[in-house]
C-alpha atoms as a PDB file:
ATOM      1  CA  MET A   1     -28.543 -28.311  39.673  1.00  0.00           C
ATOM      2  CA  THR A   2     -30.255 -24.772  41.074  1.00  0.00           C
ATOM      3  CA  SER A   3     -28.959 -23.546  37.563  1.00  0.00           C
ATOM      4  CA  PHE A   4     -31.200 -25.787  35.445  1.00  0.00           C
ATOM      5  CA  ARG A   5     -34.008 -24.571  37.497  1.00  0.00           C
ATOM      6  CA  GLY A   6     -34.401 -21.555  35.848  1.00  0.00           C
ATOM      7  CA  LEU A   7     -34.114 -22.588  32.237  1.00  0.00           C
ATOM      8  CA  GLY A   8     -37.966 -23.633  31.636  1.00  0.00           C
ATOM      9  CA  VAL A   9     -39.340 -25.253  29.112  1.00  0.00           C
ATOM     10  CA  ARG A  10     -38.644 -24.189  25.275  1.00  0.00           C
ATOM     11  CA  ASP A  11     -38.945 -26.234  22.132  1.00  0.00           C
ATOM     12  CA  GLU A  12     -35.262 -25.993  20.999  1.00  0.00           C
ATOM     13  CA  MET A  13     -32.048 -27.803  22.499  1.00  0.00           C
ATOM     14  CA  PRO A  14     -31.016 -26.627  25.967  1.00  0.00           C
ATOM     15  CA  LEU A  15     -27.674 -25.089  26.281  1.00  0.00           C
ATOM     16  CA  ARG A  16     -25.242 -26.461  28.914  1.00  0.00           C
ATOM     17  CA  PRO A  17     -24.357 -24.250  31.709  1.00  0.00           C
ATOM     18  CA  GLY A  18     -20.546 -23.689  31.675  1.00  0.00           C
ATOM     19  CA  PHE A  19     -19.652 -25.582  28.790  1.00  0.00           C
ATOM     20  CA  GLY A  20     -15.893 -25.034  27.635  1.00  0.00           C
ATOM     21  CA  THR A  21     -15.214 -23.080  30.391  1.00  0.00           C
ATOM     22  CA  LEU A  22     -14.309 -25.692  33.125  1.00  0.00           C
ATOM     23  CA  GLY A  23     -11.698 -28.525  33.108  1.00  0.00           C
ATOM     24  CA  THR A  24      -8.279 -28.425  31.920  1.00  0.00           C
ATOM     25  CA  PRO A  25      -7.039 -27.546  28.506  1.00  0.00           C
ATOM     26  CA  GLN A  26      -5.704 -30.344  26.256  1.00  0.00           C
ATOM     27  CA  THR A  27      -3.446 -30.284  23.159  1.00  0.00           C
ATOM     28  CA  LEU A  28      -4.639 -32.542  20.406  1.00  0.00           C
ATOM     29  CA  ARG A  29      -3.340 -33.710  17.404  1.00  0.00           C
ATOM     30  CA  THR A  30      -5.171 -35.350  14.751  1.00  0.00           C
ATOM     31  CA  ASN A  31      -4.251 -36.785  11.473  1.00  0.00           C
ATOM     32  CA  PHE A  32      -6.278 -33.957   9.357  1.00  0.00           C
ATOM     33  CA  PHE A  33      -4.575 -32.379   6.564  1.00  0.00           C
ATOM     34  CA  ALA A  34      -5.455 -30.502   3.935  1.00  0.00           C
ATOM     35  CA  VAL A  35      -5.891 -31.948   0.108  1.00  0.00           C
ATOM     36  CA  LYS A  36      -5.621 -30.494  -3.434  1.00  0.00           C
ATOM     37  CA  THR A  37      -6.468 -32.521  -6.243  1.00  0.00           C
ATOM     38  CA  THR A  38      -5.971 -31.918  -9.999  1.00  0.00           C
ATOM     39  CA  LYS A  39      -8.419 -35.012 -10.839  1.00  0.00           C
ATOM     40  CA  ARG A  40     -12.140 -33.377 -11.282  1.00  0.00           C
ATOM     41  CA  THR A  41     -13.721 -36.943 -10.867  1.00  0.00           C
ATOM     42  CA  LEU A  42     -12.783 -40.213  -9.285  1.00  0.00           C
ATOM     43  CA  TYR A  43     -14.525 -43.221  -9.753  1.00  0.00           C
ATOM     44  CA  ASP A  44     -16.146 -45.593  -6.990  1.00  0.00           C
ATOM     45  CA  TYR A  45     -16.291 -49.467  -7.074  1.00  0.00           C
ATOM     46  CA  ASP A  46     -17.589 -52.124  -5.082  1.00  0.00           C
ATOM     47  CA  VAL A  47     -15.433 -55.133  -5.032  1.00  0.00           C
ATOM     48  CA  SER A  48     -16.776 -58.496  -4.308  1.00  0.00           C
ATOM     49  CA  PHE A  49     -15.353 -62.118  -4.340  1.00  0.00           C
ATOM     50  CA  THR A  50     -16.537 -65.727  -5.256  1.00  0.00           C
ATOM     51  CA  PRO A  51     -16.784 -67.923  -3.374  1.00  0.00           C
ATOM     52  CA  ALA A  52     -17.596 -65.203  -0.964  1.00  0.00           C
ATOM     53  CA  ALA A  53     -17.650 -67.711   2.194  1.00  0.00           C
ATOM     54  CA  GLN A  54     -14.102 -68.494   1.688  1.00  0.00           C
ATOM     55  CA  ALA A  55     -12.924 -64.707   1.307  1.00  0.00           C
ATOM     56  CA  GLY A  56     -12.639 -63.974   5.199  1.00  0.00           C
ATOM     57  CA  ARG A  57     -11.173 -60.453   5.936  1.00  0.00           C
ATOM     58  CA  ASP A  58      -7.059 -61.761   5.927  1.00  0.00           C
ATOM     59  CA  ARG A  59      -7.546 -63.661   2.637  1.00  0.00           C
ATOM     60  CA  LYS A  60      -9.335 -60.698   0.997  1.00  0.00           C
ATOM     61  CA  ALA A  61      -6.174 -58.589   1.796  1.00  0.00           C
ATOM     62  CA  ARG A  62      -3.836 -61.692   0.327  1.00  0.00           C
ATOM     63  CA  ILE A  63      -5.851 -61.697  -2.795  1.00  0.00           C
ATOM     64  CA  PHE A  64      -5.566 -57.872  -3.307  1.00  0.00           C
ATOM     65  CA  GLN A  65      -1.645 -58.609  -3.086  1.00  0.00           C
ATOM     66  CA  ILE A  66      -1.920 -61.194  -5.877  1.00  0.00           C
ATOM     67  CA  LEU A  67      -4.382 -59.367  -7.553  1.00  0.00           C
ATOM     68  CA  GLU A  68      -1.744 -56.682  -8.096  1.00  0.00           C
ATOM     69  CA  ASN A  69       0.236 -58.850  -9.864  1.00  0.00           C
ATOM     70  CA  HIS A  70      -2.586 -60.237 -12.076  1.00  0.00           C
ATOM     71  CA  PRO A  71      -2.019 -59.519 -16.049  1.00  0.00           C
ATOM     72  CA  GLN A  72      -5.348 -58.269 -16.506  1.00  0.00           C
ATOM     73  CA  TYR A  73      -5.384 -55.927 -13.453  1.00  0.00           C
ATOM     74  CA  GLN A  74      -1.617 -54.637 -13.969  1.00  0.00           C
ATOM     75  CA  PRO A  75      -2.544 -51.809 -16.250  1.00  0.00           C
ATOM     76  CA  HIS A  76      -4.477 -50.445 -13.514  1.00  0.00           C
ATOM     77  CA  VAL A  77      -2.353 -50.608 -10.680  1.00  0.00           C
ATOM     78  CA  GLY A  78      -0.760 -47.029 -11.311  1.00  0.00           C
ATOM     79  CA  TYR A  79      -4.171 -45.373 -10.544  1.00  0.00           C
ATOM     80  CA  VAL A  80      -6.288 -46.992  -8.202  1.00  0.00           C
ATOM     81  CA  ALA A  81      -6.373 -47.383  -4.293  1.00  0.00           C
ATOM     82  CA  HIS A  82      -8.454 -49.715  -2.404  1.00  0.00           C
ATOM     83  CA  ASP A  83      -9.227 -50.575   1.300  1.00  0.00           C
ATOM     84  CA  ARG A  84      -8.310 -53.989   0.871  1.00  0.00           C
ATOM     85  CA  SER A  85     -11.760 -55.396   1.498  1.00  0.00           C
ATOM     86  CA  GLN A  86     -14.563 -54.084  -0.616  1.00  0.00           C
ATOM     87  CA  ARG A  87     -14.072 -50.864  -1.894  1.00  0.00           C
ATOM     88  CA  LEU A  88     -11.723 -49.493  -4.715  1.00  0.00           C
ATOM     89  CA  VAL A  89     -11.385 -45.875  -5.925  1.00  0.00           C
ATOM     90  CA  SER A  90      -9.749 -45.104  -9.443  1.00  0.00           C
ATOM     91  CA  ALA A  91      -8.690 -41.799 -11.258  1.00  0.00           C
ATOM     92  CA  ALA A  92      -9.554 -43.228 -14.488  1.00  0.00           C
ATOM     93  CA  LYS A  93     -12.633 -45.425 -15.522  1.00  0.00           C
ATOM     94  CA  LEU A  94     -12.339 -49.123 -15.403  1.00  0.00           C
ATOM     95  CA  PRO A  95     -13.624 -51.334 -18.105  1.00  0.00           C
ATOM     96  CA  GLN A  96     -16.961 -52.962 -17.206  1.00  0.00           C
ATOM     97  CA  PRO A  97     -18.059 -55.272 -16.521  1.00  0.00           C
ATOM     98  CA  LEU A  98     -14.529 -56.512 -15.122  1.00  0.00           C
ATOM     99  CA  ALA A  99     -14.126 -59.652 -13.481  1.00  0.00           C
ATOM    100  CA  ILE A 100     -10.735 -61.210 -12.870  1.00  0.00           C
ATOM    101  CA  GLU A 101     -10.265 -64.939 -11.691  1.00  0.00           C
ATOM    102  CA  LEU A 102      -7.394 -66.058  -9.855  1.00  0.00           C
ATOM    103  CA  LYS A 103      -5.862 -68.834  -8.020  1.00  0.00           C
ATOM    104  CA  PHE A 104      -4.822 -68.142  -4.378  1.00  0.00           C
ATOM    105  CA  ILE A 105      -1.289 -68.265  -3.261  1.00  0.00           C
ATOM    106  CA  GLU A 106      -0.243 -68.864   0.362  1.00  0.00           C
ATOM    107  CA  GLU A 107       1.863 -66.141   2.138  1.00  0.00           C
ATOM    108  CA  GLY A 108       5.401 -66.802   1.240  1.00  0.00           C
ATOM    109  CA  GLU A 109       4.782 -69.023  -1.717  1.00  0.00           C
ATOM    110  CA  THR A 110       5.626 -67.928  -5.372  1.00  0.00           C
ATOM    111  CA  THR A 111       3.057 -70.183  -7.281  1.00  0.00           C
ATOM    112  CA  ALA A 112      -0.410 -71.349  -6.471  1.00  0.00           C
ATOM    113  CA  ARG A 113      -0.676 -75.404  -5.066  1.00  0.00           C
ATOM    114  CA  ALA A 114      -2.408 -77.637  -7.126  1.00  0.00           C
ATOM    115  CA  ASP A 115      -5.503 -77.616  -4.975  1.00  0.00           C
ATOM    116  CA  ALA A 116      -5.627 -73.951  -4.498  1.00  0.00           C
ATOM    117  CA  LEU A 117      -8.913 -72.290  -4.080  1.00  0.00           C
ATOM    118  CA  THR A 118      -9.872 -70.248  -7.629  1.00  0.00           C
ATOM    119  CA  PHE A 119     -11.464 -66.673  -6.677  1.00  0.00           C
ATOM    120  CA  THR A 120     -13.320 -64.769  -8.900  1.00  0.00           C
ATOM    121  CA  VAL A 121     -13.053 -60.796  -8.396  1.00  0.00           C
ATOM    122  CA  THR A 122     -15.479 -58.540  -9.868  1.00  0.00           C
ATOM    123  CA  PHE A 123     -15.189 -54.591  -9.510  1.00  0.00           C
ATOM    124  CA  LYS A 124     -19.011 -52.958  -9.943  1.00  0.00           C
ATOM    125  CA  PHE A 125     -19.022 -49.290 -10.795  1.00  0.00           C
ATOM    126  CA  VAL A 126     -20.932 -47.253  -8.054  1.00  0.00           C
ATOM    127  CA  ARG A 127     -20.765 -43.513  -8.826  1.00  0.00           C
ATOM    128  CA  GLU A 128     -18.720 -41.071  -9.913  1.00  0.00           C
ATOM    129  CA  LEU A 129     -16.935 -38.813  -6.847  1.00  0.00           C
ATOM    130  CA  ASP A 130     -16.894 -35.287  -7.563  1.00  0.00           C
ATOM    131  CA  MET A 131     -13.464 -33.656  -6.500  1.00  0.00           C
ATOM    132  CA  ASN A 132     -14.390 -29.848  -7.057  1.00  0.00           C
ATOM    133  CA  ALA A 133     -16.118 -30.114  -3.549  1.00  0.00           C
ATOM    134  CA  LEU A 134     -13.071 -31.230  -2.161  1.00  0.00           C
ATOM    135  CA  ASN A 135     -10.782 -28.784  -3.443  1.00  0.00           C
ATOM    136  CA  GLN A 136     -12.846 -25.861  -2.220  1.00  0.00           C
END
């Protein structure tokens, strides 16, 4: 406590006495890795579901699984990535507007039930992502 008294009042953030010199050294591993991309631009899309009230988190993930086999979405599978919820990034521009209607197929089933929910999945362009900064 006595070391703080000598600091006085200044118009800047105070330094912590002994910061980084006390304690036990720890090995830290992270999942950080260098990335280099040949694409100069990626395209960011917002994904929405109608009816939204019926599209919970688990159901959204299943809708994305169903979507990947849908004929209207199939041509784009090779260059898109998504979070299985609300964001999609693409290496090529998607046609706009893009809305795909599909019947919900329960996990483990191959076809939709007669009373299956119908969802419309809409992909709305948000922005271009400049990859030049990432490469630098």
